[in-house]
Amino acid sequence: TLTVNESFYKSKPVFHVVGKGWTTGAVSWFFKVE
């Protein structure tokens, strides 16, 4: 997932983008990614 949030960094207005990735199903049994 990729999400664009609104936030502040040292009082400056910023886009806070969060990217997450994870394995599922059989693949996660032998190669887990988070």
PDB file of all heavy atoms in Angstrom:
ATOM      1  N   THR A   1       0.837  -1.197   0.000  1.00  0.00           N
ATOM      2  CA  THR A   1       0.000   0.000   0.000  1.00  0.00           C
ATOM      3  C   THR A   1       0.874   1.249   0.000  1.00  0.00           C
ATOM      4  O   THR A   1       1.998   1.243   0.496  1.00  0.00           O
ATOM      5  CB  THR A   1      -0.932   0.048   1.224  1.00  0.00           C
ATOM      6  OG1 THR A   1      -0.145   0.054   2.431  1.00  0.00           O
ATOM      7  CG2 THR A   1      -1.891  -1.128   1.235  1.00  0.00           C
ATOM      8  N   LEU A   2       0.329   2.312  -0.564  1.00  0.00           N
ATOM      9  CA  LEU A   2       0.943   3.637  -0.525  1.00  0.00           C
ATOM     10  C   LEU A   2      -0.116   4.628  -0.091  1.00  0.00           C
ATOM     11  O   LEU A   2      -1.192   4.708  -0.695  1.00  0.00           O
ATOM     12  CB  LEU A   2       1.483   4.032  -1.898  1.00  0.00           C
ATOM     13  CG  LEU A   2       2.904   3.623  -2.282  1.00  0.00           C
ATOM     14  CD1 LEU A   2       3.175   3.976  -3.745  1.00  0.00           C
ATOM     15  CD2 LEU A   2       3.933   4.313  -1.382  1.00  0.00           C
ATOM     16  N   THR A   3       0.165   5.394   0.955  1.00  0.00           N
ATOM     17  CA  THR A   3      -0.812   6.328   1.503  1.00  0.00           C
ATOM     18  C   THR A   3      -0.190   7.705   1.655  1.00  0.00           C
ATOM     19  O   THR A   3       0.927   7.837   2.162  1.00  0.00           O
ATOM     20  CB  THR A   3      -1.313   5.855   2.881  1.00  0.00           C
ATOM     21  OG1 THR A   3      -1.754   4.505   2.793  1.00  0.00           O
ATOM     22  CG2 THR A   3      -2.452   6.734   3.376  1.00  0.00           C
ATOM     23  N   VAL A   4      -0.916   8.746   1.231  1.00  0.00           N
ATOM     24  CA  VAL A   4      -0.459  10.124   1.392  1.00  0.00           C
ATOM     25  C   VAL A   4      -1.238  10.763   2.540  1.00  0.00           C
ATOM     26  O   VAL A   4      -2.452  10.971   2.436  1.00  0.00           O
ATOM     27  CB  VAL A   4      -0.649  10.949   0.103  1.00  0.00           C
ATOM     28  CG1 VAL A   4      -0.134  12.383   0.317  1.00  0.00           C
ATOM     29  CG2 VAL A   4       0.087  10.301  -1.059  1.00  0.00           C
ATOM     30  N   ASN A   5      -0.546  11.055   3.629  1.00  0.00           N
ATOM     31  CA  ASN A   5      -1.148  11.708   4.791  1.00  0.00           C
ATOM     32  C   ASN A   5      -0.698  13.156   4.872  1.00  0.00           C
ATOM     33  O   ASN A   5       0.223  13.579   4.167  1.00  0.00           O
ATOM     34  CB  ASN A   5      -0.740  10.982   6.079  1.00  0.00           C
ATOM     35  CG  ASN A   5      -1.125   9.513   6.067  1.00  0.00           C
ATOM     36  OD1 ASN A   5      -2.273   9.180   5.820  1.00  0.00           O
ATOM     37  ND2 ASN A   5      -0.159   8.635   6.315  1.00  0.00           N
ATOM     38  N   GLU A   6      -1.338  13.894   5.757  1.00  0.00           N
ATOM     39  CA  GLU A   6      -0.966  15.291   5.998  1.00  0.00           C
ATOM     40  C   GLU A   6      -0.328  15.389   7.368  1.00  0.00           C
ATOM     41  O   GLU A   6      -0.821  14.807   8.335  1.00  0.00           O
ATOM     42  CB  GLU A   6      -2.188  16.190   5.911  1.00  0.00           C
ATOM     43  CG  GLU A   6      -1.864  17.672   5.935  1.00  0.00           C
ATOM     44  CD  GLU A   6      -3.073  18.529   5.615  1.00  0.00           C
ATOM     45  OE1 GLU A   6      -4.208  18.093   5.944  1.00  0.00           O
ATOM     46  OE2 GLU A   6      -2.909  19.613   5.041  1.00  0.00           O
ATOM     47  N   SER A   7       0.787  16.130   7.465  1.00  0.00           N
ATOM     48  CA  SER A   7       1.468  16.226   8.749  1.00  0.00           C
ATOM     49  C   SER A   7       2.305  17.507   8.779  1.00  0.00           C
ATOM     50  O   SER A   7       2.246  18.331   7.859  1.00  0.00           O
ATOM     51  CB  SER A   7       2.346  14.993   8.977  1.00  0.00           C
ATOM     52  OG  SER A   7       2.898  14.993  10.265  1.00  0.00           O
ATOM     53  N   PHE A   8       3.087  17.644   9.856  1.00  0.00           N
ATOM     54  CA  PHE A   8       4.034  18.751   9.984  1.00  0.00           C
ATOM     55  C   PHE A   8       5.405  18.182  10.338  1.00  0.00           C
ATOM     56  O   PHE A   8       5.508  17.228  11.108  1.00  0.00           O
ATOM     57  CB  PHE A   8       3.588  19.736  11.071  1.00  0.00           C
ATOM     58  CG  PHE A   8       2.403  20.562  10.676  1.00  0.00           C
ATOM     59  CD1 PHE A   8       1.120  20.103  10.924  1.00  0.00           C
ATOM     60  CD2 PHE A   8       2.573  21.795  10.059  1.00  0.00           C
ATOM     61  CE1 PHE A   8       0.023  20.854  10.556  1.00  0.00           C
ATOM     62  CE2 PHE A   8       1.476  22.553   9.687  1.00  0.00           C
ATOM     63  CZ  PHE A   8       0.190  22.075   9.936  1.00  0.00           C
ATOM     64  N   TYR A   9       6.422  18.778   9.778  1.00  0.00           N
ATOM     65  CA  TYR A   9       7.792  18.409  10.128  1.00  0.00           C
ATOM     66  C   TYR A   9       8.517  19.677  10.532  1.00  0.00           C
ATOM     67  O   TYR A   9       8.710  20.583   9.726  1.00  0.00           O
ATOM     68  CB  TYR A   9       8.497  17.748   8.938  1.00  0.00           C
ATOM     69  CG  TYR A   9       9.930  17.385   9.242  1.00  0.00           C
ATOM     70  CD1 TYR A   9      10.224  16.225   9.947  1.00  0.00           C
ATOM     71  CD2 TYR A   9      10.983  18.209   8.853  1.00  0.00           C
ATOM     72  CE1 TYR A   9      11.543  15.890  10.248  1.00  0.00           C
ATOM     73  CE2 TYR A   9      12.296  17.891   9.146  1.00  0.00           C
ATOM     74  CZ  TYR A   9      12.568  16.726   9.849  1.00  0.00           C
ATOM     75  OH  TYR A   9      13.859  16.407  10.150  1.00  0.00           O
ATOM     76  N   LYS A  10       8.848  19.763  11.824  1.00  0.00           N
ATOM     77  CA  LYS A  10       9.480  20.962  12.366  1.00  0.00           C
ATOM     78  C   LYS A  10       8.688  22.213  11.976  1.00  0.00           C
ATOM     79  O   LYS A  10       9.231  23.187  11.448  1.00  0.00           O
ATOM     80  CB  LYS A  10      10.935  21.068  11.906  1.00  0.00           C
ATOM     81  CG  LYS A  10      11.816  19.940  12.422  1.00  0.00           C
ATOM     82  CD  LYS A  10      13.268  20.087  11.996  1.00  0.00           C
ATOM     83  CE  LYS A  10      14.117  18.955  12.576  1.00  0.00           C
ATOM     84  NZ  LYS A  10      15.542  19.047  12.168  1.00  0.00           N
ATOM     85  N   SER A  11       7.367  22.112  12.206  1.00  0.00           N
ATOM     86  CA  SER A  11       6.401  23.206  11.987  1.00  0.00           C
ATOM     87  C   SER A  11       6.128  23.509  10.517  1.00  0.00           C
ATOM     88  O   SER A  11       5.394  24.448  10.201  1.00  0.00           O
ATOM     89  CB  SER A  11       6.857  24.508  12.685  1.00  0.00           C
ATOM     90  OG  SER A  11       7.006  24.289  14.071  1.00  0.00           O
ATOM     91  N   LYS A  12       6.682  22.721   9.605  1.00  0.00           N
ATOM     92  CA  LYS A  12       6.438  22.938   8.175  1.00  0.00           C
ATOM     93  C   LYS A  12       5.402  21.934   7.677  1.00  0.00           C
ATOM     94  O   LYS A  12       5.498  20.735   7.969  1.00  0.00           O
ATOM     95  CB  LYS A  12       7.735  22.779   7.376  1.00  0.00           C
ATOM     96  CG  LYS A  12       8.802  23.803   7.741  1.00  0.00           C
ATOM     97  CD  LYS A  12      10.099  23.533   6.991  1.00  0.00           C
ATOM     98  CE  LYS A  12      11.182  24.530   7.387  1.00  0.00           C
ATOM     99  NZ  LYS A  12      12.479  24.243   6.714  1.00  0.00           N
ATOM    100  N   PRO A  13       4.400  22.394   6.920  1.00  0.00           N
ATOM    101  CA  PRO A  13       3.385  21.463   6.386  1.00  0.00           C
ATOM    102  C   PRO A  13       3.993  20.517   5.362  1.00  0.00           C
ATOM    103  O   PRO A  13       4.697  20.950   4.443  1.00  0.00           O
ATOM    104  CB  PRO A  13       2.352  22.390   5.747  1.00  0.00           C
ATOM    105  CG  PRO A  13       3.084  23.655   5.459  1.00  0.00           C
ATOM    106  CD  PRO A  13       4.150  23.787   6.513  1.00  0.00           C
ATOM    107  N   VAL A  14       3.747  19.219   5.533  1.00  0.00           N
ATOM    108  CA  VAL A  14       4.346  18.224   4.648  1.00  0.00           C
ATOM    109  C   VAL A  14       3.321  17.154   4.258  1.00  0.00           C
ATOM    110  O   VAL A  14       2.299  16.966   4.928  1.00  0.00           O
ATOM    111  CB  VAL A  14       5.550  17.523   5.323  1.00  0.00           C
ATOM    112  CG1 VAL A  14       6.671  18.497   5.579  1.00  0.00           C
ATOM    113  CG2 VAL A  14       5.120  16.817   6.609  1.00  0.00           C
ATOM    114  N   PHE A  15       3.638  16.469   3.158  1.00  0.00           N
ATOM    115  CA  PHE A  15       2.978  15.211   2.827  1.00  0.00           C
ATOM    116  C   PHE A  15       3.752  14.101   3.524  1.00  0.00           C
ATOM    117  O   PHE A  15       4.965  13.978   3.338  1.00  0.00           O
ATOM    118  CB  PHE A  15       2.992  14.957   1.320  1.00  0.00           C
ATOM    119  CG  PHE A  15       2.170  15.920   0.514  1.00  0.00           C
ATOM    120  CD1 PHE A  15       2.783  16.805  -0.359  1.00  0.00           C
ATOM    121  CD2 PHE A  15       0.787  15.931   0.616  1.00  0.00           C
ATOM    122  CE1 PHE A  15       2.035  17.687  -1.116  1.00  0.00           C
ATOM    123  CE2 PHE A  15       0.020  16.822  -0.135  1.00  0.00           C
ATOM    124  CZ  PHE A  15       0.649  17.693  -0.994  1.00  0.00           C
ATOM    125  N   HIS A  16       3.062  13.320   4.325  1.00  0.00           N
ATOM    126  CA  HIS A  16       3.698  12.182   4.983  1.00  0.00           C
ATOM    127  C   HIS A  16       3.257  10.935   4.232  1.00  0.00           C
ATOM    128  O   HIS A  16       2.131  10.473   4.370  1.00  0.00           O
ATOM    129  CB  HIS A  16       3.276  12.121   6.456  1.00  0.00           C
ATOM    130  CG  HIS A  16       3.835  10.946   7.190  1.00  0.00           C
ATOM    131  ND1 HIS A  16       3.279  10.459   8.349  1.00  0.00           N
ATOM    132  CD2 HIS A  16       4.915  10.148   6.925  1.00  0.00           C
ATOM    133  CE1 HIS A  16       3.979   9.416   8.769  1.00  0.00           C
ATOM    134  NE2 HIS A  16       4.970   9.207   7.920  1.00  0.00           N
ATOM    135  N   VAL A  17       4.141  10.399   3.408  1.00  0.00           N
ATOM    136  CA  VAL A  17       3.820   9.236   2.585  1.00  0.00           C
ATOM    137  C   VAL A  17       4.323   7.981   3.289  1.00  0.00           C
ATOM    138  O   VAL A  17       5.481   7.912   3.705  1.00  0.00           O
ATOM    139  CB  VAL A  17       4.460   9.343   1.185  1.00  0.00           C
ATOM    140  CG1 VAL A  17       4.092   8.120   0.348  1.00  0.00           C
ATOM    141  CG2 VAL A  17       4.026  10.626   0.485  1.00  0.00           C
ATOM    142  N   VAL A  18       3.422   6.999   3.416  1.00  0.00           N
ATOM    143  CA  VAL A  18       3.766   5.737   4.058  1.00  0.00           C
ATOM    144  C   VAL A  18       3.575   4.601   3.062  1.00  0.00           C
ATOM    145  O   VAL A  18       2.486   4.434   2.501  1.00  0.00           O
ATOM    146  CB  VAL A  18       2.901   5.483   5.306  1.00  0.00           C
ATOM    147  CG1 VAL A  18       3.273   4.143   5.947  1.00  0.00           C
ATOM    148  CG2 VAL A  18       3.065   6.617   6.311  1.00  0.00           C
ATOM    149  N   GLY A  19       4.631   3.828   2.843  1.00  0.00           N
ATOM    150  CA  GLY A  19       4.548   2.657   1.977  1.00  0.00           C
ATOM    151  C   GLY A  19       4.782   1.397   2.789  1.00  0.00           C
ATOM    152  O   GLY A  19       5.729   1.330   3.583  1.00  0.00           O
ATOM    153  N   LYS A  20       3.913   0.411   2.614  1.00  0.00           N
ATOM    154  CA  LYS A  20       4.040  -0.863   3.327  1.00  0.00           C
ATOM    155  C   LYS A  20       3.993  -2.006   2.324  1.00  0.00           C
ATOM    156  O   LYS A  20       3.243  -1.953   1.343  1.00  0.00           O
ATOM    157  CB  LYS A  20       2.915  -1.042   4.343  1.00  0.00           C
ATOM    158  CG  LYS A  20       2.846   0.020   5.420  1.00  0.00           C
ATOM    159  CD  LYS A  20       1.649  -0.231   6.340  1.00  0.00           C
ATOM    160  CE  LYS A  20       1.490   0.852   7.376  1.00  0.00           C
ATOM    161  NZ  LYS A  20       0.292   0.619   8.234  1.00  0.00           N
ATOM    162  N   GLY A  21       4.767  -3.050   2.584  1.00  0.00           N
ATOM    163  CA  GLY A  21       4.744  -4.233   1.733  1.00  0.00           C
ATOM    164  C   GLY A  21       4.958  -5.478   2.560  1.00  0.00           C
ATOM    165  O   GLY A  21       5.749  -5.469   3.505  1.00  0.00           O
ATOM    166  N   TRP A  22       4.231  -6.550   2.222  1.00  0.00           N
ATOM    167  CA  TRP A  22       4.360  -7.786   2.991  1.00  0.00           C
ATOM    168  C   TRP A  22       3.994  -8.989   2.114  1.00  0.00           C
ATOM    169  O   TRP A  22       3.212  -8.879   1.172  1.00  0.00           O
ATOM    170  CB  TRP A  22       3.460  -7.747   4.227  1.00  0.00           C
ATOM    171  CG  TRP A  22       1.994  -7.587   3.924  1.00  0.00           C
ATOM    172  CD1 TRP A  22       1.063  -8.573   3.796  1.00  0.00           C
ATOM    173  CD2 TRP A  22       1.289  -6.358   3.693  1.00  0.00           C
ATOM    174  NE1 TRP A  22      -0.180  -8.049   3.501  1.00  0.00           N
ATOM    175  CE2 TRP A  22      -0.067  -6.685   3.441  1.00  0.00           C
ATOM    176  CE3 TRP A  22       1.670  -5.005   3.679  1.00  0.00           C
ATOM    177  CZ2 TRP A  22      -1.031  -5.724   3.169  1.00  0.00           C
ATOM    178  CZ3 TRP A  22       0.701  -4.046   3.412  1.00  0.00           C
ATOM    179  CH2 TRP A  22      -0.622  -4.415   3.164  1.00  0.00           C
ATOM    180  N   THR A  23       4.622 -10.112   2.400  1.00  0.00           N
ATOM    181  CA  THR A  23       4.317 -11.338   1.670  1.00  0.00           C
ATOM    182  C   THR A  23       3.079 -12.003   2.270  1.00  0.00           C
ATOM    183  O   THR A  23       2.744 -11.809   3.434  1.00  0.00           O
ATOM    184  CB  THR A  23       5.501 -12.317   1.737  1.00  0.00           C
ATOM    185  OG1 THR A  23       5.955 -12.420   3.087  1.00  0.00           O
ATOM    186  CG2 THR A  23       6.628 -11.875   0.845  1.00  0.00           C
ATOM    187  N   THR A  24       2.405 -12.818   1.425  1.00  0.00           N
ATOM    188  CA  THR A  24       1.215 -13.537   1.864  1.00  0.00           C
ATOM    189  C   THR A  24       1.270 -14.970   1.337  1.00  0.00           C
ATOM    190  O   THR A  24       2.061 -15.295   0.448  1.00  0.00           O
ATOM    191  CB  THR A  24      -0.073 -12.867   1.338  1.00  0.00           C
ATOM    192  OG1 THR A  24      -0.013 -12.824  -0.100  1.00  0.00           O
ATOM    193  CG2 THR A  24      -0.237 -11.453   1.882  1.00  0.00           C
ATOM    194  N   GLY A  25       0.408 -15.820   1.889  1.00  0.00           N
ATOM    195  CA  GLY A  25       0.269 -17.179   1.383  1.00  0.00           C
ATOM    196  C   GLY A  25       1.527 -18.009   1.494  1.00  0.00           C
ATOM    197  O   GLY A  25       2.353 -17.841   2.391  1.00  0.00           O
ATOM    198  N   ALA A  26       1.709 -18.896   0.499  1.00  0.00           N
ATOM    199  CA  ALA A  26       2.806 -19.860   0.532  1.00  0.00           C
ATOM    200  C   ALA A  26       4.171 -19.187   0.492  1.00  0.00           C
ATOM    201  O   ALA A  26       5.134 -19.690   1.074  1.00  0.00           O
ATOM    202  CB  ALA A  26       2.662 -20.837  -0.631  1.00  0.00           C
ATOM    203  N   VAL A  27       4.268 -18.040  -0.201  1.00  0.00           N
ATOM    204  CA  VAL A  27       5.561 -17.355  -0.309  1.00  0.00           C
ATOM    205  C   VAL A  27       6.090 -16.962   1.069  1.00  0.00           C
ATOM    206  O   VAL A  27       7.289 -17.064   1.348  1.00  0.00           O
ATOM    207  CB  VAL A  27       5.439 -16.115  -1.213  1.00  0.00           C
ATOM    208  CG1 VAL A  27       6.729 -15.296  -1.183  1.00  0.00           C
ATOM    209  CG2 VAL A  27       5.126 -16.524  -2.643  1.00  0.00           C
ATOM    210  N   SER A  28       5.193 -16.520   1.941  1.00  0.00           N
ATOM    211  CA  SER A  28       5.632 -16.074   3.272  1.00  0.00           C
ATOM    212  C   SER A  28       6.145 -17.228   4.126  1.00  0.00           C
ATOM    213  O   SER A  28       6.810 -17.009   5.140  1.00  0.00           O
ATOM    214  CB  SER A  28       4.483 -15.364   3.988  1.00  0.00           C
ATOM    215  OG  SER A  28       3.398 -16.243   4.209  1.00  0.00           O
ATOM    216  N   TRP A  29       5.853 -18.468   3.728  1.00  0.00           N
ATOM    217  CA  TRP A  29       6.348 -19.615   4.500  1.00  0.00           C
ATOM    218  C   TRP A  29       7.855 -19.755   4.378  1.00  0.00           C
ATOM    219  O   TRP A  29       8.523 -20.145   5.337  1.00  0.00           O
ATOM    220  CB  TRP A  29       5.675 -20.908   4.024  1.00  0.00           C
ATOM    221  CG  TRP A  29       4.196 -20.932   4.202  1.00  0.00           C
ATOM    222  CD1 TRP A  29       3.434 -20.087   4.953  1.00  0.00           C
ATOM    223  CD2 TRP A  29       3.285 -21.851   3.588  1.00  0.00           C
ATOM    224  NE1 TRP A  29       2.105 -20.410   4.849  1.00  0.00           N
ATOM    225  CE2 TRP A  29       1.978 -21.492   4.019  1.00  0.00           C
ATOM    226  CE3 TRP A  29       3.434 -22.935   2.730  1.00  0.00           C
ATOM    227  CZ2 TRP A  29       0.848 -22.185   3.609  1.00  0.00           C
ATOM    228  CZ3 TRP A  29       2.303 -23.622   2.315  1.00  0.00           C
ATOM    229  CH2 TRP A  29       1.024 -23.252   2.757  1.00  0.00           C
ATOM    230  N   PHE A  30       8.387 -19.463   3.173  1.00  0.00           N
ATOM    231  CA  PHE A  30       9.829 -19.638   2.985  1.00  0.00           C
ATOM    232  C   PHE A  30      10.581 -18.324   2.769  1.00  0.00           C
ATOM    233  O   PHE A  30      11.815 -18.309   2.792  1.00  0.00           O
ATOM    234  CB  PHE A  30      10.110 -20.588   1.816  1.00  0.00           C
ATOM    235  CG  PHE A  30       9.555 -20.150   0.491  1.00  0.00           C
ATOM    236  CD1 PHE A  30      10.282 -19.314  -0.336  1.00  0.00           C
ATOM    237  CD2 PHE A  30       8.306 -20.587   0.059  1.00  0.00           C
ATOM    238  CE1 PHE A  30       9.784 -18.909  -1.564  1.00  0.00           C
ATOM    239  CE2 PHE A  30       7.801 -20.185  -1.171  1.00  0.00           C
ATOM    240  CZ  PHE A  30       8.540 -19.349  -1.982  1.00  0.00           C
ATOM    241  N   PHE A  31       9.860 -17.219   2.558  1.00  0.00           N
ATOM    242  CA  PHE A  31      10.535 -15.928   2.405  1.00  0.00           C
ATOM    243  C   PHE A  31       9.583 -14.829   2.889  1.00  0.00           C
ATOM    244  O   PHE A  31       8.818 -14.267   2.122  1.00  0.00           O
ATOM    245  CB  PHE A  31      10.933 -15.682   0.947  1.00  0.00           C
ATOM    246  CG  PHE A  31      11.868 -14.511   0.774  1.00  0.00           C
ATOM    247  CD1 PHE A  31      13.230 -14.663   0.998  1.00  0.00           C
ATOM    248  CD2 PHE A  31      11.397 -13.272   0.389  1.00  0.00           C
ATOM    249  CE1 PHE A  31      14.103 -13.591   0.835  1.00  0.00           C
ATOM    250  CE2 PHE A  31      12.256 -12.193   0.222  1.00  0.00           C
ATOM    251  CZ  PHE A  31      13.611 -12.363   0.450  1.00  0.00           C
ATOM    252  N   LYS A  32       9.648 -14.550   4.170  1.00  0.00           N
ATOM    253  CA  LYS A  32       8.744 -13.565   4.754  1.00  0.00           C
ATOM    254  C   LYS A  32       9.294 -12.154   4.587  1.00  0.00           C
ATOM    255  O   LYS A  32      10.467 -11.894   4.853  1.00  0.00           O
ATOM    256  CB  LYS A  32       8.537 -13.861   6.248  1.00  0.00           C
ATOM    257  CG  LYS A  32       7.483 -12.976   6.894  1.00  0.00           C
ATOM    258  CD  LYS A  32       7.231 -13.393   8.331  1.00  0.00           C
ATOM    259  CE  LYS A  32       6.141 -12.514   8.949  1.00  0.00           C
ATOM    260  NZ  LYS A  32       5.842 -12.907  10.352  1.00  0.00           N
ATOM    261  N   VAL A  33       8.433 -11.264   4.117  1.00  0.00           N
ATOM    262  CA  VAL A  33       8.807  -9.863   3.933  1.00  0.00           C
ATOM    263  C   VAL A  33       7.844  -8.975   4.706  1.00  0.00           C
ATOM    264  O   VAL A  33       6.625  -9.169   4.652  1.00  0.00           O
ATOM    265  CB  VAL A  33       8.782  -9.462   2.440  1.00  0.00           C
ATOM    266  CG1 VAL A  33       8.952  -7.951   2.277  1.00  0.00           C
ATOM    267  CG2 VAL A  33       9.871 -10.190   1.676  1.00  0.00           C
ATOM    268  N   GLU A  34       8.393  -8.025   5.411  1.00  0.00           N
ATOM    269  CA  GLU A  34       7.585  -7.002   6.086  1.00  0.00           C
ATOM    270  C   GLU A  34       8.360  -5.695   6.033  1.00  0.00           C
ATOM    271  O   GLU A  34       9.294  -5.480   6.799  1.00  0.00           O
ATOM    272  CB  GLU A  34       7.299  -7.411   7.538  1.00  0.00           C
ATOM    273  CG  GLU A  34       6.245  -6.548   8.190  1.00  0.00           C
ATOM    274  CD  GLU A  34       5.760  -7.097   9.523  1.00  0.00           C
ATOM    275  OE1 GLU A  34       6.076  -8.266   9.824  1.00  0.00           O
ATOM    276  OE2 GLU A  34       5.081  -6.360  10.254  1.00  0.00           O
TER     277      GLU A  34
END
